[in-house]
């Protein structure tokens, strides 16, 4: 049974809407990740000059996943000297 023009147009429209929604969500996540990493490095260069945060792969990955919240959490834990952060 051949696919008609209407079904093809509707299918393409649905695919485009899904891609657009995915793009909007990913754009926000990428901005949050970049902002978190920038905050982590700026805090390390300015606030914690005497006792810098050890930047490890695990901390960068956590900040990349959690974004700004992750950078603030790592900085707070380092400031309070909790969990060896």
Protein backbone atom coordinates (compact mmCIF):
# COMPACT_ATOMS: atom_id res chain seq x y z
CA UNK A 1 0.00 0.00 0.00
CA UNK A 2 1.72 3.25 -1.09
CA UNK A 3 2.06 6.19 1.28
CA UNK A 4 0.07 9.23 0.24
CA UNK A 5 1.23 12.81 0.15
CA UNK A 6 -0.74 13.67 3.29
CA UNK A 7 0.88 10.94 5.37
CA UNK A 8 4.35 11.91 4.12
CA UNK A 9 3.83 15.59 4.96
CA UNK A 10 2.50 14.75 8.42
CA UNK A 11 5.43 12.40 9.07
CA UNK A 12 7.97 15.04 8.04
CA UNK A 13 6.22 17.66 10.19
CA UNK A 14 6.30 15.37 13.24
CA UNK A 15 10.00 14.62 12.73
CA UNK A 16 10.78 18.34 12.41
CA UNK A 17 8.82 19.16 15.58
CA UNK A 18 10.64 16.46 17.54
CA UNK A 19 14.02 17.71 16.29
CA UNK A 20 13.10 21.30 17.19
CA UNK A 21 12.04 20.29 20.72
CA UNK A 22 15.27 18.31 21.15
CA UNK A 23 17.30 21.30 19.95
CA UNK A 24 15.62 23.67 22.42
CA UNK A 25 16.28 21.36 25.37
CA UNK A 26 19.87 20.63 24.35
CA UNK A 27 20.62 24.33 23.86
CA UNK A 28 19.64 25.06 27.47
CA UNK A 29 21.69 22.12 28.76
CA UNK A 30 24.77 23.20 26.79
CA UNK A 31 24.49 26.78 28.09
CA UNK A 32 24.18 25.47 31.66
CA UNK A 33 27.20 23.19 31.19
CA UNK A 34 29.41 25.92 29.76
CA UNK A 35 28.33 28.39 32.45
CA UNK A 36 29.07 25.84 35.18
CA UNK A 37 32.55 25.09 33.85
CA UNK A 38 33.36 28.79 33.48
CA UNK A 39 32.15 29.48 37.03
CA UNK A 40 34.24 26.59 38.39
CA UNK A 41 37.42 27.85 36.74
CA UNK A 42 36.77 31.51 37.65
CA UNK A 43 36.10 30.60 41.28
CA UNK A 44 39.31 28.62 41.31
CA UNK A 45 41.29 31.58 39.94
CA UNK A 46 39.77 34.28 42.14
CA UNK A 47 38.19 33.08 45.37
CA UNK A 48 40.36 30.07 46.17
CA UNK A 49 43.78 31.50 45.26
CA UNK A 50 45.41 30.45 48.54
CA UNK A 51 43.78 27.03 48.60
CA UNK A 52 42.79 26.18 45.02
CA UNK A 53 40.29 23.52 44.07
CA UNK A 54 41.99 20.49 42.55
CA UNK A 55 40.43 20.29 39.10
CA UNK A 56 40.04 16.59 38.30
CA UNK A 57 38.23 14.75 35.55
CA UNK A 58 35.54 13.71 38.04
CA UNK A 59 34.88 17.31 39.11
CA UNK A 60 34.78 18.53 35.52
CA UNK A 61 32.39 15.70 34.58
CA UNK A 62 30.16 16.45 37.58
CA UNK A 63 30.10 20.14 36.70
CA UNK A 64 29.40 19.33 33.05
CA UNK A 65 26.42 17.21 34.07
CA UNK A 66 25.09 19.40 36.90
CA UNK A 67 26.01 22.77 35.40
CA UNK A 68 26.00 25.87 37.57
CA UNK A 69 24.57 23.94 40.53
CA UNK A 70 27.47 21.48 40.32
CA UNK A 71 30.08 24.23 40.27
CA UNK A 72 28.52 25.97 43.26
CA UNK A 73 28.24 22.65 45.12
CA UNK A 74 31.90 21.79 44.50
CA UNK A 75 32.98 25.28 45.57
CA UNK A 76 30.83 25.11 48.70
CA UNK A 77 32.13 21.69 49.68
CA UNK A 78 35.69 22.86 49.09
CA UNK A 79 35.10 25.99 51.18
CA UNK A 80 33.66 23.92 54.04
CA UNK A 81 36.43 21.30 53.60
CA UNK A 82 33.90 18.48 53.38
CA UNK A 83 34.45 15.13 51.68
CA UNK A 84 37.99 16.04 50.62
CA UNK A 85 36.71 18.18 47.78
